[in-house]
Amino acid sequence: MADVGGIGADRLRTLVERIERLEEEKAALTADIREVFAEAKGEGFDIKVLRQVIRLRKMDSGDRQEQEAILDLYKQALGMLS
């Protein structure tokens, strides 16, 4: 079955199967990440803060500094700095 309605059926099947395999791999990775967070929690780490640190590490240094400066400004405006 080469073409159905102008669509390469074999190519379509190949793409769908690749996506399905990748979705399975993604689910497995998500489960692995969940296990690492559970391990970190078991060792006393704060998971919310750990997620925040991971998010910050993904950011460009300049973007991170800008965000921290704005956060400090907002905290100062609200009287939250000690």
C-alpha atoms as a PDB file:
ATOM      1  CA  MET A   1       0.000   0.000   0.000  1.00  0.00           C
ATOM      2  CA  ALA A   2       2.147   2.856  -1.296  1.00  0.00           C
ATOM      3  CA  ASP A   3      -0.247   5.779  -1.550  1.00  0.00           C
ATOM      4  CA  VAL A   4      -3.711   6.264  -0.149  1.00  0.00           C
ATOM      5  CA  GLY A   5      -5.361   9.507  -1.133  1.00  0.00           C
ATOM      6  CA  GLY A   6      -1.986  11.011  -2.032  1.00  0.00           C
ATOM      7  CA  ILE A   7      -0.418  10.036   1.321  1.00  0.00           C
ATOM      8  CA  GLY A   8       2.538   7.656   1.501  1.00  0.00           C
ATOM      9  CA  ALA A   9       1.026   5.063   3.850  1.00  0.00           C
ATOM     10  CA  ASP A  10       4.365   3.374   4.584  1.00  0.00           C
ATOM     11  CA  ARG A  11       6.027   6.674   5.440  1.00  0.00           C
ATOM     12  CA  LEU A  12       3.079   7.691   7.619  1.00  0.00           C
ATOM     13  CA  ARG A  13       3.206   4.360   9.474  1.00  0.00           C
ATOM     14  CA  THR A  14       6.961   4.774  10.040  1.00  0.00           C
ATOM     15  CA  LEU A  15       6.493   8.274  11.463  1.00  0.00           C
ATOM     16  CA  VAL A  16       3.645   7.189  13.745  1.00  0.00           C
ATOM     17  CA  GLU A  17       5.655   4.226  15.053  1.00  0.00           C
ATOM     18  CA  ARG A  18       8.685   6.443  15.737  1.00  0.00           C
ATOM     19  CA  ILE A  19       6.505   8.893  17.651  1.00  0.00           C
ATOM     20  CA  GLU A  20       4.979   6.043  19.659  1.00  0.00           C
ATOM     21  CA  ARG A  21       8.446   4.712  20.588  1.00  0.00           C
ATOM     22  CA  LEU A  22       9.582   8.185  21.616  1.00  0.00           C
ATOM     23  CA  GLU A  23       6.452   8.629  23.748  1.00  0.00           C
ATOM     24  CA  GLU A  24       7.273   5.345  25.505  1.00  0.00           C
ATOM     25  CA  GLU A  25      10.849   6.516  26.106  1.00  0.00           C
ATOM     26  CA  LYS A  26       9.568   9.850  27.404  1.00  0.00           C
ATOM     27  CA  ALA A  27       7.264   8.053  29.859  1.00  0.00           C
ATOM     28  CA  ALA A  28      10.178   5.942  31.083  1.00  0.00           C
ATOM     29  CA  LEU A  29      12.354   9.038  31.546  1.00  0.00           C
ATOM     30  CA  THR A  30       9.561  10.795  33.409  1.00  0.00           C
ATOM     31  CA  ALA A  31       9.318   7.836  35.776  1.00  0.00           C
ATOM     32  CA  ASP A  32      13.105   7.897  36.289  1.00  0.00           C
ATOM     33  CA  ILE A  33      13.014  11.626  37.081  1.00  0.00           C
ATOM     34  CA  ARG A  34      10.170  11.036  39.548  1.00  0.00           C
ATOM     35  CA  GLU A  35      12.312   8.402  41.284  1.00  0.00           C
ATOM     36  CA  VAL A  36      15.255  10.795  41.592  1.00  0.00           C
ATOM     37  CA  PHE A  37      12.989  13.461  43.106  1.00  0.00           C
ATOM     38  CA  ALA A  38      11.642  10.866  45.555  1.00  0.00           C
ATOM     39  CA  GLU A  39      15.217   9.944  46.470  1.00  0.00           C
ATOM     40  CA  ALA A  40      16.080  13.612  47.006  1.00  0.00           C
ATOM     41  CA  LYS A  41      12.982  14.080  49.170  1.00  0.00           C
ATOM     42  CA  GLY A  42      13.938  11.003  51.181  1.00  0.00           C
ATOM     43  CA  GLU A  43      17.319  12.595  51.857  1.00  0.00           C
ATOM     44  CA  GLY A  44      15.640  15.746  53.173  1.00  0.00           C
ATOM     45  CA  PHE A  45      15.894  18.060  50.167  1.00  0.00           C
ATOM     46  CA  ASP A  46      13.055  20.492  49.470  1.00  0.00           C
ATOM     47  CA  ILE A  47      11.607  19.380  46.125  1.00  0.00           C
ATOM     48  CA  LYS A  48      10.033  22.756  45.272  1.00  0.00           C
ATOM     49  CA  VAL A  49      13.373  24.482  45.743  1.00  0.00           C
ATOM     50  CA  LEU A  50      15.181  21.727  43.864  1.00  0.00           C
ATOM     51  CA  ARG A  51      12.838  22.204  40.877  1.00  0.00           C
ATOM     52  CA  GLN A  52      13.449  25.951  41.057  1.00  0.00           C
ATOM     53  CA  VAL A  53      17.233  25.428  41.052  1.00  0.00           C
ATOM     54  CA  ILE A  54      16.950  23.156  38.013  1.00  0.00           C
ATOM     55  CA  ARG A  55      14.831  25.759  36.205  1.00  0.00           C
ATOM     56  CA  LEU A  56      17.357  28.495  37.038  1.00  0.00           C
ATOM     57  CA  ARG A  57      20.291  26.375  35.830  1.00  0.00           C
ATOM     58  CA  LYS A  58      18.595  26.023  32.449  1.00  0.00           C
ATOM     59  CA  MET A  59      18.456  29.801  32.065  1.00  0.00           C
ATOM     60  CA  ASP A  60      21.081  31.971  30.432  1.00  0.00           C
ATOM     61  CA  SER A  61      23.216  33.744  33.036  1.00  0.00           C
ATOM     62  CA  GLY A  62      22.074  37.201  31.916  1.00  0.00           C
ATOM     63  CA  ASP A  63      18.407  36.220  31.967  1.00  0.00           C
ATOM     64  CA  ARG A  64      18.827  34.696  35.418  1.00  0.00           C
ATOM     65  CA  GLN A  65      20.509  37.836  36.777  1.00  0.00           C
ATOM     66  CA  GLU A  66      17.789  40.026  35.292  1.00  0.00           C
ATOM     67  CA  GLN A  67      15.047  37.881  36.823  1.00  0.00           C
ATOM     68  CA  GLU A  68      16.758  37.904  40.225  1.00  0.00           C
ATOM     69  CA  ALA A  69      17.168  41.705  40.072  1.00  0.00           C
ATOM     70  CA  ILE A  70      13.483  42.193  39.249  1.00  0.00           C
ATOM     71  CA  LEU A  71      12.499  39.781  42.027  1.00  0.00           C
ATOM     72  CA  ASP A  72      14.654  41.724  44.505  1.00  0.00           C
ATOM     73  CA  LEU A  73      13.080  44.990  43.326  1.00  0.00           C
ATOM     74  CA  TYR A  74       9.573  43.602  43.815  1.00  0.00           C
ATOM     75  CA  LYS A  75      10.466  42.215  47.234  1.00  0.00           C
ATOM     76  CA  GLN A  76      11.940  45.563  48.257  1.00  0.00           C
ATOM     77  CA  ALA A  77       8.801  47.385  47.065  1.00  0.00           C
ATOM     78  CA  LEU A  78       6.698  45.061  49.192  1.00  0.00           C
ATOM     79  CA  GLY A  79       8.936  45.391  52.254  1.00  0.00           C
ATOM     80  CA  MET A  80      10.002  41.754  52.075  1.00  0.00           C
ATOM     81  CA  LEU A  81      13.779  42.262  52.257  1.00  0.00           C
ATOM     82  CA  SER A  82      15.334  41.955  55.702  1.00  0.00           C
END
